[in-house]
Amino acid sequence: MKNAKTERNVLTNFNASNLAESDFAGVTAHKGQFKGSALRGSDFSGADLTGSSFKSSDVRGANFDGANLTDCVLSTLDLANASFRKTILVRTNFSKSVLDGARFTGVRLTDATLAMTDLRKTAFEACVFDGADFKHADLSGQRFDGQTFIGAKFDNAALTGTSFKGATLNNVSFKPGFALTNKYYRMIKTIRFDGATMDKLTYALLKGMGAELTNVTIL
């Protein structure tokens, strides 16, 4: 039993490895260790990587389409141009990672963390953000048109010119931190909510901060 356990650990330990453009499609590697590794252009499509860590790795252009990234740590790493199509993202941590050119398509982000992350050049399409945490993230100019937010947190996030046109917002937080400053008020006024649908509490919060809510439908 001990040998089997050791073998399993060896097969999931890829720390500090040069694995650029490797084929991991469809593999099962629970609690895999990919810390400090070169994984640029690798294929993880359909893989079950539950509980794995990719901290501080180069994962540019990697394919995570259909992969299970539940409880994975993808923080402080380079995920530029990576693909997440119909990926399972439950409690996945992307904090402080580079996501320029990364694409999230048809994904439900459940309790995922994207805090302190620059998301200005990240693409989100047909996504549901269920409990997603965007605290201190830079979302300036981001387009979330037609997407769904449930219990999401945008506390202290940069939202200048962000668009939520036609989006659904339920119990979403836009807290500014310690105090409402004139700068924060001005930023809130630049967010576009045309055609959005939101619950009464989210509406009241945004209305109190001076958001433009003329064409909003209240649930």
Protein backbone atom coordinates (compact mmCIF):
# COMPACT_ATOMS: atom_id res chain seq x y z
CA MET A 1 0.00 0.00 0.00
CA LYS A 2 2.85 2.36 0.84
CA ASN A 3 4.51 1.80 -2.55
CA ALA A 4 1.21 2.41 -4.34
CA LYS A 5 0.72 5.64 -2.43
CA THR A 6 4.27 6.78 -3.24
CA GLU A 7 3.71 6.00 -6.90
CA ARG A 8 0.54 8.06 -6.94
CA ASN A 9 2.41 11.01 -5.39
CA VAL A 10 5.16 10.74 -7.99
CA LEU A 11 2.63 10.70 -10.83
CA THR A 12 1.04 13.95 -9.65
CA ASN A 13 4.22 15.86 -8.74
CA PHE A 14 5.35 17.98 -11.68
CA ASN A 15 6.84 20.87 -9.72
CA ALA A 16 9.61 22.87 -11.42
CA SER A 17 9.24 20.84 -14.63
CA ASN A 18 9.67 21.83 -18.27
CA LEU A 19 6.42 20.56 -19.79
CA ALA A 20 5.62 23.09 -22.50
CA GLU A 21 3.01 21.85 -25.04
CA SER A 22 2.46 18.62 -23.10
CA ASP A 23 -0.60 16.42 -23.59
CA PHE A 24 -2.60 16.01 -20.35
CA ALA A 25 -5.97 15.74 -22.10
CA GLY A 26 -8.45 13.54 -20.21
CA VAL A 27 -6.07 12.62 -17.38
CA THR A 28 -7.11 12.30 -13.73
CA ALA A 29 -4.61 14.00 -11.45
CA HIS A 30 -6.24 14.96 -8.15
CA LYS A 31 -4.08 17.30 -6.03
CA GLY A 32 -1.50 17.49 -8.81
CA GLN A 33 1.48 19.73 -8.18
CA PHE A 34 2.50 21.92 -11.13
CA LYS A 35 4.17 24.72 -9.15
CA GLY A 36 6.89 26.75 -10.83
CA SER A 37 6.59 24.76 -14.05
CA ALA A 38 6.75 25.63 -17.76
CA LEU A 39 3.38 24.50 -19.15
CA ARG A 40 2.94 26.92 -22.04
CA GLY A 41 0.55 25.63 -24.69
CA SER A 42 -0.23 22.40 -22.81
CA ASP A 43 -3.52 20.56 -23.33
CA PHE A 44 -5.54 19.87 -20.16
CA SER A 45 -8.89 19.57 -21.98
CA GLY A 46 -11.31 17.18 -20.26
CA ALA A 47 -8.82 16.48 -17.44
CA ASP A 48 -9.90 16.06 -13.81
CA LEU A 49 -7.41 18.21 -11.88
CA THR A 50 -9.44 18.61 -8.68
CA GLY A 51 -7.37 20.16 -5.90
CA SER A 52 -4.29 20.77 -8.07
CA SER A 53 -1.91 23.71 -7.76
CA PHE A 54 -0.32 25.62 -10.65
CA LYS A 55 1.09 28.42 -8.53
CA SER A 56 3.83 30.56 -10.10
CA SER A 57 3.87 28.61 -13.39
CA ASP A 58 3.91 29.67 -17.05
CA VAL A 59 0.60 28.36 -18.42
CA ARG A 60 0.22 30.74 -21.36
CA GLY A 61 -2.02 29.46 -24.13
CA ALA A 62 -3.00 26.30 -22.24
CA ASN A 63 -6.27 24.53 -23.06
CA PHE A 64 -8.52 23.84 -20.06
CA ASP A 65 -11.70 23.28 -22.09
CA GLY A 66 -14.05 20.89 -20.26
CA ALA A 67 -11.53 20.32 -17.46
CA ASN A 68 -12.52 19.96 -13.80
CA LEU A 69 -10.62 22.64 -11.85
CA THR A 70 -12.56 22.33 -8.59
CA ASP A 71 -10.50 23.63 -5.64
CA CYS A 72 -7.52 24.33 -7.91
CA VAL A 73 -5.00 27.08 -7.16
CA LEU A 74 -4.14 29.04 -10.30
CA SER A 75 -2.90 32.14 -8.50
CA THR A 76 0.19 34.26 -9.20
CA LEU A 77 0.85 32.66 -12.60
CA ASP A 78 0.72 33.51 -16.29
CA LEU A 79 -2.51 32.32 -17.96
CA ALA A 80 -2.40 34.70 -20.93
CA ASN A 81 -4.44 33.39 -23.89
CA ALA A 82 -5.54 30.27 -21.98
CA SER A 83 -8.92 28.76 -22.90
CA PHE A 84 -11.66 27.84 -20.39
CA ARG A 85 -14.65 26.61 -22.39
CA LYS A 86 -17.28 24.78 -20.30
CA THR A 87 -14.62 24.29 -17.62
CA ILE A 88 -15.75 23.30 -14.10
CA LEU A 89 -14.65 26.16 -11.85
CA VAL A 90 -15.73 25.57 -8.24
CA ARG A 91 -13.75 27.43 -5.54
CA THR A 92 -10.98 27.90 -8.14
CA ASN A 93 -8.47 30.59 -7.20
CA PHE A 94 -7.14 32.88 -9.96
CA SER A 95 -5.94 35.68 -7.66
CA LYS A 96 -3.05 37.86 -8.88
CA SER A 97 -2.69 35.89 -12.13
CA VAL A 98 -2.11 37.23 -15.64
CA LEU A 99 -5.25 36.58 -17.72
CA ASP A 100 -4.66 38.82 -20.76
CA GLY A 101 -6.35 37.23 -23.77
CA ALA A 102 -7.74 34.33 -21.70
CA ARG A 103 -11.26 33.25 -22.70
CA PHE A 104 -14.01 31.95 -20.39
CA THR A 105 -16.90 30.59 -22.47
CA GLY A 106 -20.08 28.93 -21.19
CA VAL A 107 -18.59 28.60 -17.71
CA ARG A 108 -20.22 28.69 -14.28
CA LEU A 109 -17.76 30.19 -11.80
CA THR A 110 -18.98 28.97 -8.41
CA ASP A 111 -17.27 30.67 -5.43
CA ALA A 112 -14.27 31.28 -7.71
CA THR A 113 -11.76 33.95 -6.69
CA LEU A 114 -10.45 36.49 -9.20
CA ALA A 115 -9.35 39.03 -6.61
CA MET A 116 -6.51 41.51 -7.23
CA THR A 117 -6.40 40.44 -10.89
CA ASP A 118 -6.19 42.58 -14.04
CA LEU A 119 -9.14 41.39 -16.14
CA ARG A 120 -9.32 44.26 -18.64
CA LYS A 121 -8.20 42.04 -21.53
CA THR A 122 -9.94 38.83 -20.42
CA ALA A 123 -12.97 37.63 -22.40
CA PHE A 124 -16.10 36.32 -20.65
CA GLU A 125 -18.96 34.97 -22.76
CA ALA A 126 -22.23 33.29 -21.65
CA CYS A 127 -20.95 32.83 -18.09
CA VAL A 128 -22.66 32.54 -14.71
CA PHE A 129 -20.80 34.07 -11.75
CA ASP A 130 -22.23 32.33 -8.67
CA GLY A 131 -20.48 33.73 -5.58
CA ALA A 132 -17.46 34.84 -7.64
CA ASP A 133 -15.10 37.22 -5.83
CA PHE A 134 -13.71 40.16 -7.87
CA LYS A 135 -12.41 42.16 -4.89
CA HIS A 136 -9.73 44.70 -5.90
CA ALA A 137 -9.76 43.37 -9.50
CA ASP A 138 -9.37 45.74 -12.45
CA LEU A 139 -12.43 45.33 -14.69
CA SER A 140 -12.23 48.69 -16.43
CA GLY A 141 -13.94 48.52 -19.82
CA GLN A 142 -14.91 44.87 -19.33
CA ARG A 143 -18.12 43.65 -21.01
CA PHE A 144 -20.39 41.34 -19.02
CA ASP A 145 -23.38 41.89 -21.31
CA GLY A 146 -26.17 39.31 -20.92
CA GLN A 147 -24.38 37.31 -18.23
CA THR A 148 -25.61 36.26 -14.78
CA PHE A 149 -24.26 37.29 -11.36
CA ILE A 150 -25.51 35.66 -8.16
CA GLY A 151 -23.93 36.75 -4.88
CA ALA A 152 -20.87 38.08 -6.74
CA LYS A 153 -18.57 40.56 -4.99
CA PHE A 154 -17.09 43.58 -6.79
CA ASP A 155 -15.90 45.22 -3.58
CA ASN A 156 -13.17 47.80 -4.22
CA ALA A 157 -12.92 46.69 -7.87
CA ALA A 158 -12.03 49.11 -10.66
CA LEU A 159 -15.17 49.29 -12.82
CA THR A 160 -14.72 52.40 -14.97
CA GLY A 161 -16.72 51.92 -18.17
CA THR A 162 -17.67 48.31 -17.32
CA SER A 163 -20.80 47.09 -19.09
CA PHE A 164 -23.56 44.95 -17.57
CA LYS A 165 -26.04 45.54 -20.40
CA GLY A 166 -28.82 42.96 -20.34
CA ALA A 167 -27.15 41.16 -17.42
CA THR A 168 -28.93 39.61 -14.43
CA LEU A 169 -27.66 40.69 -10.99
CA ASN A 170 -28.95 39.07 -7.82
CA ASN A 171 -27.52 39.95 -4.39
CA VAL A 172 -24.39 41.51 -5.94
CA SER A 173 -22.04 43.63 -3.82
CA PHE A 174 -20.30 46.79 -5.03
CA LYS A 175 -18.89 47.96 -1.68
CA PRO A 176 -16.18 50.61 -2.01
CA GLY A 177 -14.25 49.66 1.11
CA PHE A 178 -13.94 52.00 4.08
CA ALA A 179 -15.73 55.05 2.67
CA LEU A 180 -17.51 56.33 -0.42
CA THR A 181 -15.18 58.81 -2.11
CA ASN A 182 -15.99 61.23 -4.91
CA LYS A 183 -13.71 59.18 -7.15
CA TYR A 184 -15.75 56.03 -6.44
CA TYR A 185 -19.03 57.89 -7.08
CA ARG A 186 -17.70 59.07 -10.45
CA MET A 187 -16.62 55.53 -11.35
CA ILE A 188 -20.03 54.04 -10.48
CA LYS A 189 -21.70 56.54 -12.82
CA THR A 190 -19.64 55.19 -15.76
CA ILE A 191 -20.94 51.60 -15.36
CA ARG A 192 -23.57 50.68 -17.97
CA PHE A 193 -26.63 48.77 -16.75
CA ASP A 194 -28.93 49.29 -19.77
CA GLY A 195 -31.51 46.48 -19.96
CA ALA A 196 -30.14 44.73 -16.86
CA THR A 197 -32.36 42.87 -14.41
CA MET A 198 -31.59 43.02 -10.69
CA ASP A 199 -33.10 42.30 -7.29
CA LYS A 200 -34.31 45.09 -5.02
CA LEU A 201 -31.28 45.05 -2.70
CA THR A 202 -28.72 45.30 -5.50
CA TYR A 203 -30.82 48.05 -7.10
CA ALA A 204 -31.02 49.99 -3.83
CA LEU A 205 -27.26 49.68 -3.25
CA LEU A 206 -26.43 50.98 -6.72
CA LYS A 207 -29.08 53.69 -6.61
CA GLY A 208 -27.65 54.94 -3.33
CA MET A 209 -24.24 55.28 -4.98
CA GLY A 210 -25.64 57.26 -7.90
CA ALA A 211 -25.51 54.58 -10.61
CA GLU A 212 -27.44 55.19 -13.85
CA LEU A 213 -30.35 52.71 -13.60
CA THR A 214 -32.93 54.24 -15.95
CA ASN A 215 -33.51 51.15 -18.10
CA VAL A 216 -33.19 48.51 -15.36
CA THR A 217 -35.85 45.90 -14.55
CA ILE A 218 -36.32 45.08 -10.85
CA LEU A 219 -36.98 41.45 -9.92
